[in-house]
Amino acid sequence: MVESRQSFFWRYPTLQTIEAFYEEVKPFVAMYNTWLKDMRAFSLPIAIVPDHICYKCSSSEEFEHMRQFFEKDRTYMYQSFISGRRVAIIKLPHNIGTHLNYIRYLELSDQKPDGSQVSGFDHIEIYPDVGTVESLVQELSKNNAHFQIRNRTHHTTYDTTLEGGLKIRIERECLIEKIKREEMR
């Protein structure tokens, strides 16, 4: 059954505008900033670079709605099919400030084929400015960070879940570089 626009907005009342998106993201950025402080990230020998924040949609209608309101002001958007669903990387119209640099991109994920995904912010992805992922994980582990190694089909990530449910995901490089490499094949 196709959902009407009116019932869609009733189910997702807070994310009808870009402004609402920026309001909704604030508590998640606060969680990330607290984690940075707890990890003593400012004094690590390896600089942490925030790449993007991921918002997962519980329906294709929600994905379409959010993508459309970001399309109006975007400077960059790339959409692909990954694991049987649409995933868009969108340059945010306004950077999201953190204690260490800015988050400049949104990863917007459509519902998974099995329907298991719920709406909400899922993770902030970071990468080391210099050095390896393993050395960054080792440095953060000295400050009691615990990571789960996730061997995915095309890469390995290191994830930790914060109180409140937000994941911090460490990757080898920024998502845009992965996209460029894939496009150049």
Protein backbone atom coordinates (compact mmCIF):
# COMPACT_ATOMS: atom_id res chain seq x y z
CA MET A 1 0.00 0.00 0.00
CA VAL A 2 1.35 3.45 -0.90
CA GLU A 3 1.39 5.84 2.02
CA SER A 4 -0.22 9.27 1.54
CA ARG A 5 1.92 12.39 2.08
CA GLN A 6 -0.28 13.37 5.02
CA SER A 7 0.22 10.07 6.88
CA PHE A 8 3.94 10.15 6.03
CA PHE A 9 4.34 13.55 7.72
CA TRP A 10 2.34 12.33 10.71
CA ARG A 11 4.74 9.40 11.14
CA TYR A 12 7.85 11.57 10.68
CA PRO A 13 6.74 14.94 12.04
CA THR A 14 10.17 16.30 12.98
CA LEU A 15 12.04 15.86 9.71
CA GLN A 16 9.97 17.91 7.31
CA THR A 17 12.66 20.54 6.67
CA ILE A 18 16.42 20.93 6.59
CA GLU A 19 16.13 23.15 9.66
CA ALA A 20 14.40 20.31 11.54
CA PHE A 21 17.21 17.97 10.45
CA TYR A 22 19.80 20.28 11.99
CA GLU A 23 17.80 20.44 15.24
CA GLU A 24 17.42 16.64 15.37
CA VAL A 25 21.15 16.06 14.82
CA LYS A 26 22.26 18.21 17.80
CA PRO A 27 21.96 15.52 20.53
CA PHE A 28 23.95 13.09 18.38
CA VAL A 29 26.70 15.63 17.82
CA ALA A 30 26.72 16.23 21.59
CA MET A 31 27.20 12.45 22.13
CA TYR A 32 30.06 12.48 19.64
CA ASN A 33 31.68 15.51 21.28
CA THR A 34 31.44 13.85 24.71
CA TRP A 35 33.07 10.74 23.28
CA LEU A 36 35.89 12.84 21.78
CA LYS A 37 36.48 14.40 25.19
CA ASP A 38 36.38 11.02 26.96
CA MET A 39 38.86 9.62 24.42
CA ARG A 40 41.18 12.61 24.92
CA ALA A 41 41.01 12.97 21.15
CA PHE A 42 42.60 16.42 21.25
CA SER A 43 45.90 14.98 22.48
CA LEU A 44 46.11 11.82 20.39
CA PRO A 45 49.15 11.46 18.13
CA ILE A 46 46.76 10.63 15.26
CA ALA A 47 44.23 13.25 14.17
CA ILE A 48 40.60 12.14 13.88
CA VAL A 49 38.67 13.46 10.89
CA PRO A 50 34.86 13.23 10.94
CA ASP A 51 33.63 12.17 7.51
CA HIS A 52 29.84 11.95 7.63
CA ILE A 53 26.78 11.24 9.73
CA CYS A 54 24.40 8.50 8.60
CA TYR A 55 20.62 8.71 8.75
CA LYS A 56 18.77 5.46 8.06
CA CYS A 57 15.21 5.57 6.75
CA SER A 58 12.50 3.07 7.65
CA SER A 59 10.72 3.43 4.31
CA SER A 60 11.39 4.39 0.71
CA GLU A 61 8.90 7.24 1.12
CA GLU A 62 10.96 8.70 3.96
CA PHE A 63 14.13 8.32 1.90
CA GLU A 64 12.52 10.13 -1.07
CA HIS A 65 11.20 12.93 1.13
CA MET A 66 14.55 13.58 2.84
CA ARG A 67 16.52 13.32 -0.38
CA GLN A 68 14.19 15.83 -2.06
CA PHE A 69 14.56 18.50 0.61
CA PHE A 70 18.34 18.13 0.54
CA GLU A 71 18.41 18.23 -3.28
CA LYS A 72 17.15 21.83 -3.27
CA ASP A 73 20.31 23.19 -1.60
CA ARG A 74 22.91 20.58 -2.42
CA THR A 75 26.26 21.22 -3.99
CA TYR A 76 27.02 17.51 -4.33
CA MET A 77 24.91 14.35 -4.23
CA TYR A 78 25.73 10.84 -5.34
CA GLN A 79 23.33 7.92 -5.14
CA SER A 80 24.12 4.25 -5.59
CA PHE A 81 22.66 0.83 -4.86
CA ILE A 82 24.49 -0.90 -2.03
CA SER A 83 23.30 -4.20 -0.55
CA GLY A 84 20.02 -4.00 -2.44
CA ARG A 85 18.98 -0.50 -1.40
CA ARG A 86 19.61 3.12 -2.33
CA VAL A 87 22.30 5.00 -0.46
CA ALA A 88 22.93 8.70 -1.12
CA ILE A 89 25.89 10.77 -0.02
CA ILE A 90 24.89 14.43 0.20
CA LYS A 91 27.07 17.48 0.83
CA LEU A 92 25.29 19.31 3.62
CA PRO A 93 24.22 22.89 2.90
CA HIS A 94 25.65 23.86 6.31
CA ASN A 95 28.55 22.04 7.95
CA ILE A 96 27.87 20.48 11.34
CA GLY A 97 30.44 21.74 13.84
CA THR A 98 32.09 19.30 16.24
CA HIS A 99 34.89 19.72 18.77
CA LEU A 100 37.25 18.40 16.08
CA ASN A 101 36.50 19.84 12.66
CA TYR A 102 33.20 19.67 10.75
CA ILE A 103 30.87 17.00 9.44
CA ARG A 104 30.28 17.99 5.82
CA TYR A 105 28.31 15.03 4.45
CA LEU A 106 25.16 13.05 5.14
CA GLU A 107 24.86 9.40 4.22
CA LEU A 108 21.16 8.75 3.64
CA SER A 109 20.15 5.07 3.54
CA ASP A 110 16.91 3.68 2.16
CA GLN A 111 15.12 0.82 3.93
CA LYS A 112 16.92 -2.54 3.79
CA PRO A 113 15.31 -5.21 1.60
CA ASP A 114 14.37 -7.21 4.71
CA GLY A 115 12.53 -4.20 6.23
CA SER A 116 14.55 -4.33 9.46
CA GLN A 117 15.81 -0.75 9.50
CA VAL A 118 14.31 1.90 11.79
CA SER A 119 14.45 5.65 11.18
CA GLY A 120 17.16 7.65 12.85
CA PHE A 121 20.76 8.70 13.04
CA ASP A 122 22.90 5.58 13.03
CA HIS A 123 26.58 6.46 13.01
CA ILE A 124 29.27 9.08 12.59
CA GLU A 125 32.09 7.80 10.44
CA ILE A 126 35.63 8.95 11.13
CA TYR A 127 39.04 8.21 9.67
CA PRO A 128 42.65 8.95 10.66
CA ASP A 129 44.24 12.00 9.04
CA VAL A 130 47.57 10.18 8.96
CA GLY A 131 48.52 6.68 10.00
CA THR A 132 46.44 3.55 9.91
CA VAL A 133 43.02 2.63 11.19
CA GLU A 134 44.64 0.01 13.39
CA SER A 135 46.94 2.57 15.04
CA LEU A 136 43.98 4.91 15.66
CA VAL A 137 41.99 2.04 17.20
CA GLN A 138 45.00 1.16 19.35
CA GLU A 139 45.33 4.76 20.60
CA LEU A 140 41.60 5.03 21.36
CA SER A 141 41.65 1.65 23.12
CA LYS A 142 44.19 3.06 25.58
CA ASN A 143 41.36 5.36 26.72
CA ASN A 144 38.95 2.44 27.27
CA ALA A 145 37.28 2.47 23.87
CA HIS A 146 36.01 -0.95 22.85
CA PHE A 147 35.58 -1.69 19.17
CA GLN A 148 33.80 -4.43 17.31
CA ILE A 149 35.56 -5.45 14.12
CA ARG A 150 33.02 -5.73 11.30
CA ASN A 151 34.25 -7.63 8.25
CA ARG A 152 31.96 -6.45 5.48
CA THR A 153 31.99 -7.68 1.90
CA HIS A 154 34.02 -4.77 0.53
CA HIS A 155 35.86 -3.47 3.62
CA THR A 156 36.45 -3.78 7.38
CA THR A 157 35.18 -1.27 9.92
CA TYR A 158 35.74 -0.75 13.62
CA ASP A 159 32.56 0.19 15.47
CA THR A 160 31.83 1.33 18.99
CA THR A 161 28.33 2.14 20.22
CA LEU A 162 27.83 5.08 22.55
CA GLU A 163 25.27 5.38 25.29
CA GLY A 164 22.22 6.62 23.41
CA GLY A 165 22.78 4.22 20.52
CA LEU A 166 24.95 6.29 18.18
CA LYS A 167 27.79 4.31 16.61
CA ILE A 168 31.23 5.68 15.91
CA ARG A 169 32.59 3.87 12.87
CA ILE A 170 36.26 4.05 11.90
CA GLU A 171 37.13 3.64 8.22
CA ARG A 172 40.41 3.84 6.31
CA GLU A 173 39.41 6.88 4.27
CA CYS A 174 36.57 9.26 3.58
CA LEU A 175 33.51 7.99 1.74
CA ILE A 176 33.99 10.43 -1.16
CA GLU A 177 37.38 8.86 -1.96
CA LYS A 178 35.79 5.39 -2.05
CA ILE A 179 33.09 6.69 -4.39
CA LYS A 180 35.66 8.33 -6.70
CA ARG A 181 37.68 5.12 -6.86
CA GLU A 182 34.58 3.07 -7.68
CA GLU A 183 33.50 5.56 -10.37
CA MET A 184 36.94 5.47 -12.01
CA ARG A 185 36.84 1.68 -12.54
